Structures are given as C-alpha cells and as structure tokens.
N, C-alpha and C. Protein backbone atom coordinates (compact mmCIF):
# COMPACT_ATOMS: atom_id res chain seq x y z
N UNK A 1 -162.88 -74.73 84.70
CA UNK A 1 -162.29 -75.79 85.48
C UNK A 1 -162.58 -77.12 84.77
N UNK A 2 -161.57 -78.00 84.68
CA UNK A 2 -161.77 -79.27 84.02
C UNK A 2 -162.70 -80.16 84.85
N UNK A 3 -163.27 -81.18 84.18
CA UNK A 3 -164.17 -82.09 84.88
C UNK A 3 -163.44 -82.82 86.01
N UNK A 4 -162.18 -83.21 85.78
CA UNK A 4 -161.41 -83.92 86.80
C UNK A 4 -161.18 -83.06 88.03
N UNK A 5 -160.80 -81.79 87.81
CA UNK A 5 -160.57 -80.90 88.94
C UNK A 5 -161.87 -80.64 89.69
N UNK A 6 -162.95 -80.47 88.95
CA UNK A 6 -164.25 -80.22 89.58
C UNK A 6 -164.65 -81.43 90.41
N UNK A 7 -164.51 -82.63 89.83
CA UNK A 7 -164.87 -83.86 90.54
C UNK A 7 -164.02 -84.03 91.80
N UNK A 8 -162.70 -83.79 91.69
CA UNK A 8 -161.81 -83.91 92.84
C UNK A 8 -162.19 -82.90 93.92
N UNK A 9 -162.49 -81.67 93.53
CA UNK A 9 -162.89 -80.64 94.49
C UNK A 9 -164.18 -81.02 95.20
N UNK A 10 -165.16 -81.51 94.46
CA UNK A 10 -166.43 -81.92 95.07
C UNK A 10 -166.23 -83.11 96.00
N UNK A 11 -165.37 -84.04 95.60
CA UNK A 11 -165.09 -85.20 96.44
C UNK A 11 -164.47 -84.76 97.77
N UNK A 12 -163.54 -83.81 97.69
CA UNK A 12 -162.89 -83.30 98.91
C UNK A 12 -163.89 -82.59 99.81
N UNK A 13 -164.76 -81.79 99.22
CA UNK A 13 -165.76 -81.07 100.00
C UNK A 13 -166.71 -82.05 100.67
N UNK A 14 -167.12 -83.09 99.94
CA UNK A 14 -168.03 -84.07 100.51
C UNK A 14 -167.35 -84.92 101.59
N UNK A 15 -166.06 -85.18 101.44
CA UNK A 15 -165.34 -86.02 102.41
C UNK A 15 -164.96 -85.24 103.66
N UNK A 16 -164.85 -83.94 103.57
CA UNK A 16 -164.37 -83.13 104.70
C UNK A 16 -165.16 -83.31 105.98
N UNK A 17 -166.49 -83.35 105.95
CA UNK A 17 -167.21 -83.49 107.21
C UNK A 17 -166.93 -84.81 107.93
N UNK A 18 -166.39 -85.82 107.23
CA UNK A 18 -166.12 -87.10 107.85
C UNK A 18 -164.70 -87.19 108.41
N UNK A 19 -163.86 -86.22 108.11
CA UNK A 19 -162.51 -86.19 108.68
C UNK A 19 -162.60 -85.73 110.12
N UNK A 20 -161.60 -86.10 110.92
CA UNK A 20 -161.69 -85.77 112.35
C UNK A 20 -161.36 -84.32 112.64
N UNK A 21 -160.59 -83.65 111.83
CA UNK A 21 -160.25 -82.26 112.08
C UNK A 21 -159.35 -81.73 110.99
N UNK A 22 -159.10 -80.43 111.06
CA UNK A 22 -158.15 -79.78 110.15
C UNK A 22 -157.59 -78.55 110.86
N UNK A 23 -156.42 -78.12 110.42
CA UNK A 23 -155.84 -76.89 110.94
C UNK A 23 -156.63 -75.72 110.38
N UNK A 24 -157.13 -74.86 111.27
CA UNK A 24 -157.89 -73.70 110.81
C UNK A 24 -157.28 -72.39 111.29
N UNK A 25 -156.17 -72.44 112.06
CA UNK A 25 -155.54 -71.20 112.52
C UNK A 25 -154.05 -71.44 112.75
N UNK A 26 -153.24 -70.41 112.47
CA UNK A 26 -151.80 -70.45 112.76
C UNK A 26 -151.39 -69.10 113.33
N UNK A 27 -150.33 -69.10 114.15
CA UNK A 27 -149.87 -67.85 114.73
C UNK A 27 -148.59 -68.01 115.51
N UNK A 28 -148.23 -66.94 116.24
CA UNK A 28 -146.99 -66.93 117.01
C UNK A 28 -147.16 -66.10 118.27
N UNK A 29 -146.46 -66.54 119.34
CA UNK A 29 -146.45 -65.76 120.59
C UNK A 29 -145.02 -65.73 121.12
N UNK A 30 -144.75 -64.76 121.97
CA UNK A 30 -143.47 -64.73 122.65
C UNK A 30 -143.46 -65.82 123.70
N UNK A 31 -142.33 -66.49 123.84
CA UNK A 31 -142.23 -67.61 124.78
C UNK A 31 -141.41 -67.25 126.01
N UNK A 32 -141.30 -65.96 126.33
CA UNK A 32 -140.66 -65.58 127.59
C UNK A 32 -139.43 -64.71 127.48
N UNK A 33 -138.93 -64.47 126.32
CA UNK A 33 -137.75 -63.62 126.20
C UNK A 33 -137.57 -63.12 124.78
N UNK A 34 -136.70 -62.14 124.60
CA UNK A 34 -136.47 -61.60 123.25
C UNK A 34 -136.02 -62.69 122.28
N UNK A 35 -136.70 -62.81 121.16
CA UNK A 35 -136.34 -63.77 120.12
C UNK A 35 -136.81 -65.18 120.37
N UNK A 36 -137.44 -65.45 121.50
CA UNK A 36 -137.95 -66.79 121.80
C UNK A 36 -139.44 -66.80 121.44
N UNK A 37 -139.77 -67.54 120.40
CA UNK A 37 -141.12 -67.48 119.82
C UNK A 37 -141.69 -68.89 119.68
N UNK A 38 -142.95 -69.05 120.06
CA UNK A 38 -143.66 -70.31 119.83
C UNK A 38 -144.58 -70.12 118.63
N UNK A 39 -144.46 -71.03 117.67
CA UNK A 39 -145.35 -71.06 116.51
C UNK A 39 -146.47 -72.04 116.84
N UNK A 40 -147.71 -71.60 116.63
CA UNK A 40 -148.90 -72.37 117.01
C UNK A 40 -149.73 -72.76 115.80
N UNK A 41 -150.32 -73.96 115.84
CA UNK A 41 -151.32 -74.41 114.89
C UNK A 41 -152.56 -74.78 115.69
N UNK A 42 -153.73 -74.38 115.20
CA UNK A 42 -154.97 -74.66 115.90
C UNK A 42 -155.94 -75.47 115.06
N UNK A 43 -156.63 -76.42 115.69
CA UNK A 43 -157.60 -77.26 115.00
C UNK A 43 -158.94 -77.22 115.75
N UNK A 44 -160.01 -77.47 115.03
CA UNK A 44 -161.34 -77.50 115.63
C UNK A 44 -161.67 -78.87 116.19
N UNK A 45 -160.78 -79.85 116.06
CA UNK A 45 -161.05 -81.23 116.45
C UNK A 45 -161.61 -81.34 117.85
N UNK A 46 -162.63 -82.13 118.02
CA UNK A 46 -163.22 -82.34 119.34
C UNK A 46 -162.89 -83.72 119.89
N UNK A 47 -162.00 -84.44 119.21
CA UNK A 47 -161.57 -85.75 119.69
C UNK A 47 -160.41 -85.61 120.67
N UNK A 48 -159.74 -86.71 120.94
CA UNK A 48 -158.61 -86.69 121.87
C UNK A 48 -157.47 -85.88 121.25
N UNK A 49 -156.99 -84.84 121.94
CA UNK A 49 -155.94 -84.00 121.38
C UNK A 49 -154.57 -84.67 121.45
N UNK A 50 -153.73 -84.40 120.47
CA UNK A 50 -152.35 -84.88 120.50
C UNK A 50 -151.49 -83.99 119.61
N UNK A 51 -150.21 -83.86 119.98
CA UNK A 51 -149.25 -83.10 119.19
C UNK A 51 -148.58 -84.05 118.20
N UNK A 52 -148.25 -83.50 117.03
CA UNK A 52 -147.66 -84.35 116.00
C UNK A 52 -146.80 -83.53 115.06
N UNK A 53 -145.71 -84.13 114.56
CA UNK A 53 -144.91 -83.54 113.51
C UNK A 53 -143.93 -82.48 113.96
N UNK A 54 -143.36 -81.80 112.97
CA UNK A 54 -142.38 -80.74 113.24
C UNK A 54 -142.51 -79.65 112.19
N UNK A 55 -141.85 -78.53 112.46
CA UNK A 55 -141.89 -77.38 111.57
C UNK A 55 -140.46 -76.90 111.34
N UNK A 56 -140.12 -76.64 110.08
CA UNK A 56 -138.80 -76.16 109.68
C UNK A 56 -138.94 -74.76 109.09
N UNK A 57 -138.06 -73.85 109.49
CA UNK A 57 -138.02 -72.51 108.91
C UNK A 57 -137.19 -72.58 107.64
N UNK A 58 -137.84 -72.49 106.48
CA UNK A 58 -137.20 -72.66 105.19
C UNK A 58 -136.57 -71.34 104.70
N UNK A 59 -137.22 -70.24 105.00
CA UNK A 59 -136.72 -68.92 104.60
C UNK A 59 -137.23 -67.89 105.59
N UNK A 60 -136.49 -66.80 105.71
CA UNK A 60 -136.89 -65.73 106.62
C UNK A 60 -135.69 -64.94 107.09
N UNK A 61 -135.92 -63.98 107.96
CA UNK A 61 -134.82 -63.10 108.40
C UNK A 61 -133.83 -63.74 109.37
N UNK A 62 -134.18 -64.89 110.00
CA UNK A 62 -133.25 -65.51 110.94
C UNK A 62 -133.55 -67.00 111.09
N UNK A 63 -132.56 -67.75 111.57
CA UNK A 63 -132.68 -69.18 111.88
C UNK A 63 -133.18 -70.04 110.73
N UNK A 64 -132.82 -69.69 109.51
CA UNK A 64 -133.22 -70.50 108.36
C UNK A 64 -132.62 -71.90 108.51
N UNK A 65 -133.44 -72.90 108.32
CA UNK A 65 -133.02 -74.29 108.45
C UNK A 65 -133.32 -74.90 109.80
N UNK A 66 -133.69 -74.08 110.78
CA UNK A 66 -133.99 -74.60 112.11
C UNK A 66 -135.28 -75.42 112.07
N UNK A 67 -135.29 -76.54 112.79
CA UNK A 67 -136.46 -77.42 112.88
C UNK A 67 -136.78 -77.66 114.33
N UNK A 68 -138.06 -77.61 114.66
CA UNK A 68 -138.51 -77.91 116.02
C UNK A 68 -139.73 -78.82 115.94
N UNK A 69 -139.78 -79.78 116.85
CA UNK A 69 -140.95 -80.66 116.95
C UNK A 69 -142.07 -79.92 117.67
N UNK A 70 -143.30 -80.24 117.31
CA UNK A 70 -144.44 -79.72 118.05
C UNK A 70 -144.51 -80.49 119.36
N UNK A 71 -144.07 -79.88 120.43
CA UNK A 71 -143.96 -80.57 121.72
C UNK A 71 -144.96 -80.06 122.75
N UNK A 72 -145.69 -79.01 122.42
CA UNK A 72 -146.68 -78.46 123.35
C UNK A 72 -148.07 -78.72 122.80
N UNK A 73 -148.98 -79.01 123.70
CA UNK A 73 -150.37 -79.21 123.32
C UNK A 73 -151.25 -78.59 124.39
N UNK A 74 -152.14 -77.67 123.98
CA UNK A 74 -153.07 -77.05 124.92
C UNK A 74 -154.47 -77.09 124.33
N UNK A 75 -155.46 -77.09 125.21
CA UNK A 75 -156.85 -77.16 124.76
C UNK A 75 -157.58 -75.83 124.98
N UNK A 76 -156.84 -74.79 125.31
CA UNK A 76 -157.39 -73.43 125.36
C UNK A 76 -156.45 -72.54 124.57
N UNK A 77 -156.96 -71.43 124.08
CA UNK A 77 -156.15 -70.53 123.27
C UNK A 77 -154.93 -70.06 124.07
N UNK A 78 -153.72 -70.22 123.52
CA UNK A 78 -152.52 -69.78 124.23
C UNK A 78 -152.55 -68.29 124.54
N UNK A 79 -152.07 -67.93 125.73
CA UNK A 79 -152.00 -66.52 126.12
C UNK A 79 -151.14 -65.76 125.13
N UNK A 80 -151.59 -64.57 124.79
CA UNK A 80 -150.81 -63.71 123.89
C UNK A 80 -151.24 -63.77 122.43
N UNK A 81 -152.08 -64.73 122.05
CA UNK A 81 -152.56 -64.78 120.67
C UNK A 81 -153.69 -63.78 120.48
N UNK A 82 -153.54 -62.90 119.50
CA UNK A 82 -154.55 -61.90 119.17
C UNK A 82 -154.92 -62.04 117.71
N UNK A 83 -156.16 -62.43 117.44
CA UNK A 83 -156.61 -62.64 116.06
C UNK A 83 -156.44 -61.38 115.24
N UNK A 84 -155.85 -61.53 114.07
CA UNK A 84 -155.62 -60.40 113.18
C UNK A 84 -154.32 -59.68 113.44
N UNK A 85 -153.62 -60.04 114.53
CA UNK A 85 -152.33 -59.42 114.86
C UNK A 85 -151.21 -60.44 114.76
N UNK A 86 -151.26 -61.47 115.60
CA UNK A 86 -150.19 -62.47 115.57
C UNK A 86 -150.74 -63.88 115.32
N UNK A 87 -152.03 -64.00 115.04
CA UNK A 87 -152.53 -65.26 114.50
C UNK A 87 -153.72 -65.00 113.59
N UNK A 88 -153.85 -65.91 112.61
CA UNK A 88 -154.86 -65.74 111.58
C UNK A 88 -155.54 -67.07 111.30
N UNK A 89 -156.77 -66.96 110.85
CA UNK A 89 -157.56 -68.13 110.50
C UNK A 89 -157.39 -68.47 109.02
N UNK A 90 -157.74 -69.71 108.68
CA UNK A 90 -157.76 -70.15 107.28
C UNK A 90 -158.80 -69.35 106.52
N UNK A 91 -158.52 -69.09 105.26
CA UNK A 91 -159.43 -68.32 104.42
C UNK A 91 -160.58 -69.16 103.85
N UNK A 92 -160.46 -70.49 103.91
CA UNK A 92 -161.44 -71.37 103.26
C UNK A 92 -162.79 -71.33 103.96
N UNK A 93 -163.83 -71.06 103.18
CA UNK A 93 -165.20 -71.20 103.63
C UNK A 93 -165.65 -72.61 103.26
N UNK A 94 -166.79 -73.09 103.75
CA UNK A 94 -167.20 -74.47 103.43
C UNK A 94 -167.16 -74.80 101.93
N UNK A 95 -167.52 -73.88 101.07
CA UNK A 95 -167.52 -74.15 99.63
C UNK A 95 -166.10 -74.22 99.06
N UNK A 96 -165.09 -73.78 99.83
CA UNK A 96 -163.72 -73.74 99.33
C UNK A 96 -162.79 -74.73 100.02
N UNK A 97 -163.29 -75.52 100.97
CA UNK A 97 -162.43 -76.46 101.68
C UNK A 97 -161.62 -77.29 100.68
N UNK A 98 -160.32 -77.33 100.86
CA UNK A 98 -159.45 -78.12 100.01
C UNK A 98 -159.13 -77.52 98.66
N UNK A 99 -159.62 -76.32 98.37
CA UNK A 99 -159.44 -75.74 97.04
C UNK A 99 -158.54 -74.50 97.01
N UNK A 100 -158.06 -74.05 98.16
CA UNK A 100 -157.23 -72.85 98.21
C UNK A 100 -155.76 -73.20 98.39
N UNK A 101 -154.89 -72.22 98.21
CA UNK A 101 -153.47 -72.41 98.45
C UNK A 101 -153.23 -72.75 99.92
N UNK A 102 -152.23 -73.57 100.19
CA UNK A 102 -151.94 -74.02 101.56
C UNK A 102 -151.74 -72.88 102.53
N UNK A 103 -151.06 -71.82 102.10
CA UNK A 103 -150.73 -70.74 103.04
C UNK A 103 -151.77 -69.63 103.07
N UNK A 104 -153.01 -69.94 102.72
CA UNK A 104 -154.09 -68.95 102.77
C UNK A 104 -154.61 -68.80 104.19
N UNK A 105 -153.82 -68.18 105.06
CA UNK A 105 -154.19 -67.91 106.45
C UNK A 105 -154.05 -66.41 106.70
N UNK A 106 -155.05 -65.64 106.28
CA UNK A 106 -154.98 -64.19 106.46
C UNK A 106 -156.26 -63.62 107.07
N UNK A 107 -157.23 -64.47 107.38
CA UNK A 107 -158.50 -64.00 107.91
C UNK A 107 -158.40 -63.71 109.41
N UNK A 108 -158.91 -62.56 109.83
CA UNK A 108 -158.92 -62.20 111.26
C UNK A 108 -160.07 -62.87 112.01
N UNK A 109 -160.98 -63.50 111.26
CA UNK A 109 -162.11 -64.21 111.88
C UNK A 109 -162.21 -65.61 111.30
N UNK A 110 -162.87 -66.50 112.02
CA UNK A 110 -163.03 -67.89 111.59
C UNK A 110 -164.17 -68.00 110.59
N UNK A 111 -163.81 -68.19 109.31
CA UNK A 111 -164.82 -68.30 108.26
C UNK A 111 -165.00 -69.74 107.79
N UNK A 112 -164.31 -70.69 108.43
CA UNK A 112 -164.30 -72.07 107.96
C UNK A 112 -165.63 -72.79 108.16
N UNK A 113 -166.46 -72.31 109.09
CA UNK A 113 -167.72 -72.97 109.38
C UNK A 113 -167.55 -74.24 110.18
N UNK A 114 -166.41 -74.41 110.84
CA UNK A 114 -166.10 -75.65 111.53
C UNK A 114 -166.05 -75.53 113.04
N UNK A 115 -166.54 -74.45 113.59
CA UNK A 115 -166.51 -74.30 115.04
C UNK A 115 -165.21 -73.69 115.51
N UNK A 116 -165.09 -73.44 116.81
CA UNK A 116 -163.92 -72.76 117.35
C UNK A 116 -162.69 -73.67 117.41
N UNK A 117 -161.52 -73.05 117.53
CA UNK A 117 -160.29 -73.81 117.74
C UNK A 117 -160.33 -74.36 119.16
N UNK A 118 -160.14 -75.67 119.29
CA UNK A 118 -160.17 -76.29 120.62
C UNK A 118 -158.86 -76.98 120.99
N UNK A 119 -157.98 -77.21 120.02
CA UNK A 119 -156.67 -77.81 120.29
C UNK A 119 -155.59 -76.98 119.60
N UNK A 120 -154.53 -76.70 120.32
CA UNK A 120 -153.39 -75.96 119.78
C UNK A 120 -152.13 -76.78 120.02
N UNK A 121 -151.26 -76.89 119.00
CA UNK A 121 -149.95 -77.48 119.21
C UNK A 121 -148.91 -76.42 118.89
N UNK A 122 -147.82 -76.43 119.67
CA UNK A 122 -146.81 -75.39 119.52
C UNK A 122 -145.39 -75.94 119.46
N UNK A 123 -144.52 -75.19 118.76
CA UNK A 123 -143.09 -75.48 118.66
C UNK A 123 -142.34 -74.18 118.92
N UNK A 124 -141.35 -74.21 119.81
CA UNK A 124 -140.65 -72.99 120.21
C UNK A 124 -139.27 -72.89 119.57
N UNK A 125 -139.00 -71.70 119.01
CA UNK A 125 -137.71 -71.38 118.40
C UNK A 125 -137.05 -70.26 119.20
N UNK A 126 -135.74 -70.20 119.18
CA UNK A 126 -135.00 -69.10 119.80
C UNK A 126 -134.24 -68.33 118.72
N UNK A 127 -133.88 -67.09 119.04
CA UNK A 127 -133.09 -66.28 118.13
C UNK A 127 -133.84 -65.76 116.92
N UNK A 128 -135.18 -65.66 117.00
CA UNK A 128 -135.95 -65.17 115.85
C UNK A 128 -136.07 -63.65 115.88
N UNK A 129 -136.15 -63.07 114.71
CA UNK A 129 -136.43 -61.65 114.56
C UNK A 129 -137.77 -61.53 113.85
N UNK A 130 -138.38 -60.37 113.93
CA UNK A 130 -139.67 -60.16 113.27
C UNK A 130 -139.50 -60.21 111.76
N UNK A 131 -140.52 -60.66 111.07
CA UNK A 131 -140.49 -60.69 109.61
C UNK A 131 -141.31 -61.83 109.04
N UNK A 132 -141.25 -61.97 107.73
CA UNK A 132 -142.00 -62.99 107.01
C UNK A 132 -141.15 -64.26 106.89
N UNK A 133 -141.71 -65.38 107.35
CA UNK A 133 -141.03 -66.67 107.32
C UNK A 133 -141.79 -67.64 106.42
N UNK A 134 -141.03 -68.47 105.73
CA UNK A 134 -141.60 -69.61 105.02
C UNK A 134 -141.30 -70.83 105.87
N UNK A 135 -142.31 -71.64 106.12
CA UNK A 135 -142.14 -72.84 106.94
C UNK A 135 -142.56 -74.07 106.15
N UNK A 136 -142.04 -75.22 106.57
CA UNK A 136 -142.41 -76.50 105.99
C UNK A 136 -142.78 -77.45 107.13
N UNK A 137 -143.95 -78.06 107.04
CA UNK A 137 -144.37 -79.04 108.04
C UNK A 137 -143.97 -80.43 107.57
N UNK A 138 -143.61 -81.29 108.52
CA UNK A 138 -143.30 -82.69 108.20
C UNK A 138 -143.75 -83.58 109.35
N UNK A 139 -143.92 -84.85 109.05
CA UNK A 139 -144.32 -85.81 110.07
C UNK A 139 -145.78 -85.76 110.46
N UNK A 140 -146.59 -85.06 109.68
CA UNK A 140 -148.03 -84.99 109.95
C UNK A 140 -148.71 -86.16 109.24
N UNK A 141 -149.23 -87.11 110.00
CA UNK A 141 -149.84 -88.29 109.40
C UNK A 141 -151.33 -88.41 109.73
N UNK A 142 -151.83 -87.52 110.56
CA UNK A 142 -153.22 -87.59 110.99
C UNK A 142 -154.04 -86.46 110.37
N UNK A 143 -155.30 -86.74 110.12
CA UNK A 143 -156.20 -85.70 109.60
C UNK A 143 -156.37 -84.56 110.60
N UNK A 144 -156.04 -84.79 111.88
CA UNK A 144 -156.20 -83.74 112.88
C UNK A 144 -155.47 -82.46 112.51
N UNK A 145 -154.34 -82.56 111.81
CA UNK A 145 -153.55 -81.37 111.50
C UNK A 145 -153.50 -81.10 110.00
N UNK A 146 -154.39 -81.71 109.20
CA UNK A 146 -154.46 -81.38 107.78
C UNK A 146 -154.89 -79.92 107.60
N UNK A 147 -154.49 -79.34 106.50
CA UNK A 147 -154.78 -77.95 106.19
C UNK A 147 -156.19 -77.85 105.59
N UNK A 148 -157.08 -77.09 106.21
CA UNK A 148 -158.44 -76.95 105.70
C UNK A 148 -158.48 -76.22 104.35
N UNK A 149 -157.46 -75.38 104.08
CA UNK A 149 -157.42 -74.68 102.80
C UNK A 149 -157.15 -75.62 101.64
N UNK A 150 -156.22 -76.57 101.82
CA UNK A 150 -155.75 -77.40 100.71
C UNK A 150 -155.89 -78.90 100.94
N UNK A 151 -156.26 -79.31 102.15
CA UNK A 151 -156.33 -80.72 102.56
C UNK A 151 -154.97 -81.40 102.55
N UNK A 152 -153.88 -80.63 102.53
CA UNK A 152 -152.55 -81.21 102.61
C UNK A 152 -152.18 -81.45 104.07
N UNK A 153 -151.32 -82.45 104.30
CA UNK A 153 -150.88 -82.71 105.66
C UNK A 153 -149.51 -82.10 105.95
N UNK A 154 -148.58 -82.17 105.03
CA UNK A 154 -147.23 -81.65 105.23
C UNK A 154 -146.99 -80.50 104.25
N UNK A 155 -147.61 -79.38 104.53
CA UNK A 155 -147.60 -78.28 103.59
C UNK A 155 -146.51 -77.26 103.89
N UNK A 156 -146.25 -76.42 102.88
CA UNK A 156 -145.35 -75.28 103.01
C UNK A 156 -146.22 -74.04 103.03
N UNK A 157 -145.91 -73.12 103.93
CA UNK A 157 -146.69 -71.89 104.02
C UNK A 157 -145.83 -70.73 104.47
N UNK A 158 -146.46 -69.59 104.63
CA UNK A 158 -145.77 -68.39 105.10
C UNK A 158 -146.48 -67.87 106.34
N UNK A 159 -145.69 -67.24 107.21
CA UNK A 159 -146.22 -66.68 108.45
C UNK A 159 -145.46 -65.41 108.77
N UNK A 160 -146.18 -64.32 108.96
CA UNK A 160 -145.57 -63.06 109.37
C UNK A 160 -145.48 -63.07 110.89
N UNK A 161 -144.26 -63.06 111.41
CA UNK A 161 -144.06 -63.00 112.86
C UNK A 161 -143.86 -61.54 113.23
N UNK A 162 -144.83 -60.95 113.94
CA UNK A 162 -144.74 -59.53 114.27
C UNK A 162 -143.77 -59.26 115.42
N UNK A 163 -143.41 -58.01 115.58
CA UNK A 163 -142.51 -57.58 116.65
C UNK A 163 -143.07 -57.99 118.02
N UNK A 164 -144.40 -57.96 118.18
CA UNK A 164 -145.01 -58.31 119.47
C UNK A 164 -144.71 -59.75 119.87
N UNK A 165 -144.49 -60.65 118.91
CA UNK A 165 -144.16 -62.04 119.23
C UNK A 165 -142.67 -62.22 119.52
N UNK A 166 -141.85 -61.30 119.05
CA UNK A 166 -140.40 -61.42 119.20
C UNK A 166 -139.91 -60.79 120.49
N UNK A 167 -140.48 -59.64 120.85
CA UNK A 167 -140.02 -58.91 122.03
C UNK A 167 -140.64 -59.51 123.28
N UNK A 168 -139.80 -59.91 124.22
CA UNK A 168 -140.29 -60.50 125.46
C UNK A 168 -140.75 -59.45 126.44
N UNK A 169 -141.73 -59.80 127.25
CA UNK A 169 -142.20 -58.92 128.31
C UNK A 169 -141.34 -59.20 129.54
N UNK A 170 -140.65 -58.19 130.09
CA UNK A 170 -139.79 -58.43 131.23
C UNK A 170 -140.56 -58.94 132.45
N UNK A 171 -139.90 -59.79 133.23
CA UNK A 171 -140.48 -60.27 134.49
C UNK A 171 -140.62 -59.09 135.45
N UNK A 172 -141.54 -59.15 136.42
CA UNK A 172 -141.69 -58.07 137.39
C UNK A 172 -140.39 -57.74 138.14
N UNK A 173 -139.60 -58.76 138.46
CA UNK A 173 -138.33 -58.52 139.13
C UNK A 173 -137.36 -57.74 138.26
N UNK A 174 -137.36 -58.04 136.97
CA UNK A 174 -136.51 -57.32 136.03
C UNK A 174 -136.94 -55.87 135.93
N UNK A 175 -138.26 -55.64 135.89
CA UNK A 175 -138.77 -54.27 135.85
C UNK A 175 -138.36 -53.49 137.10
N UNK A 176 -138.42 -54.14 138.26
CA UNK A 176 -138.01 -53.48 139.51
C UNK A 176 -136.53 -53.12 139.47
N UNK A 177 -135.69 -54.02 138.97
CA UNK A 177 -134.26 -53.73 138.86
C UNK A 177 -134.00 -52.59 137.88
N UNK A 178 -134.74 -52.57 136.79
CA UNK A 178 -134.59 -51.48 135.82
C UNK A 178 -134.98 -50.15 136.46
N UNK A 179 -136.06 -50.14 137.23
CA UNK A 179 -136.50 -48.91 137.91
C UNK A 179 -135.45 -48.45 138.90
N UNK A 180 -134.87 -49.38 139.67
CA UNK A 180 -133.80 -49.01 140.61
C UNK A 180 -132.59 -48.44 139.87
N UNK A 181 -132.26 -49.04 138.76
CA UNK A 181 -131.13 -48.56 137.96
C UNK A 181 -131.37 -47.15 137.45
N UNK A 182 -132.58 -46.89 136.97
CA UNK A 182 -132.92 -45.55 136.49
C UNK A 182 -132.89 -44.53 137.62
N UNK A 183 -133.38 -44.92 138.79
CA UNK A 183 -133.32 -44.02 139.95
C UNK A 183 -131.88 -43.72 140.33
N UNK A 184 -131.02 -44.73 140.29
CA UNK A 184 -129.60 -44.53 140.62
C UNK A 184 -128.95 -43.58 139.62
N UNK A 185 -129.27 -43.76 138.33
CA UNK A 185 -128.71 -42.86 137.31
C UNK A 185 -129.21 -41.43 137.50
N UNK A 186 -130.48 -41.29 137.84
CA UNK A 186 -131.03 -39.95 138.08
C UNK A 186 -130.36 -39.30 139.28
N UNK A 187 -130.12 -40.08 140.34
CA UNK A 187 -129.46 -39.55 141.53
C UNK A 187 -128.03 -39.13 141.22
N UNK A 188 -127.32 -39.94 140.42
CA UNK A 188 -125.95 -39.59 140.04
C UNK A 188 -125.94 -38.30 139.20
N UNK A 189 -126.88 -38.22 138.25
CA UNK A 189 -126.96 -37.02 137.43
C UNK A 189 -127.28 -35.79 138.24
N UNK A 190 -128.14 -35.93 139.20
CA UNK A 190 -128.50 -34.79 140.06
C UNK A 190 -127.32 -34.39 140.95
N UNK A 191 -126.59 -35.38 141.45
CA UNK A 191 -125.46 -35.11 142.31
C UNK A 191 -124.38 -34.33 141.56
N UNK A 192 -124.17 -34.65 140.29
CA UNK A 192 -123.14 -33.96 139.50
C UNK A 192 -123.52 -32.52 139.21
N UNK A 193 -124.82 -32.23 139.09
CA UNK A 193 -125.23 -30.85 138.80
C UNK A 193 -125.26 -29.98 140.04
N UNK A 194 -125.23 -30.55 141.22
CA UNK A 194 -125.29 -29.77 142.45
C UNK A 194 -123.93 -29.25 142.82
C-alpha cells in the first residue's frame, strides 16, 4: 500500500469516532402486498434521528430507474427484518472502517464495533420481483447515513431482495375469504361426484 493510501486510511480510522454515525445495515421487507417492498438503511447514531436522501434502482430484474425518497424513519428494528436473510450488516471491523468496497454488506452479525442499529430509514417501491439489485443513493449530506465500509455518502451498492420480501402476507380477512372459496369448491366437487 502506498504511503498516501496508508495515511488516508489511518486518517479515516482516526476521524471515524468523531463522526455522528454511519450506515451499518441494509435490507428489505414486504410493505403489505406482493411486489411492494421497503428498502431499509440502519445507523448506530444515538443523536436526533432524521430521514434523508433517496435511492434509485440502477439495475435489477424490475423497476430499473425507479427512485424513491427515504420517507420513513423508525427507531426500532422494522418488523420482518431477519439478519442474514433479508438484511445484512456492514463487513467493516474497526480496523477496516472506510477501507472496504461500498457494497460490502454481507455479514449476518454486527462486526462494526459501533453498537446496535438504533435508527432506520426506509423507501418503499412497488412492482418489485426477487433478485439482485444495484442501487444508487443521492441527496445524503449528513454523516448520519455515511457508509461505514467506505465513508462515502452517496454510494452505489448491491442488495439481494429475497422472495420473502416480495411476497405479501395476506390479511386475515383475505385468508378467511380464501378458506370460504376453497370450501365452496370442495362442496361443488363433492356435489358433482354424488
């Protein structure tokens, strides 16, 4: 490694503890129906939470070019996120902060050494199918949503959206109607055989 790269890396590592936060987790959940998916970013920040920026789907199996603003902000882990299944932590350990590729989010556990995720911001897309997506962040001006892997604010990354995030869980009323429909079909089938 050149002296300049080493110096820059050390400067970033030394400056990191003074920043207010960084993104340490990304993932996806179903937002209530088939193909309706919320993409989530999580930060360890313990300051005042706020949502910022937007996310564009640059490549993937559906909705390429779609952009959504991060309009949701929660301070508890969103329902439906399962570590290692539909959300992953940054791969950077304290010695690697700012030195890894931006899209290095494949860890099923938090190895960043920065404490738990306490703020989540989300953007919801419709018409998505399961698969690997490339996304681009824009409008991120605060350290709260900087990438702990690379220290970038408006980075490009990849996210595998699993089938579990795409397929919606039917409402209880819908399940009841489906059960009635199946019973009616069974009764019709039985009536024809008698």
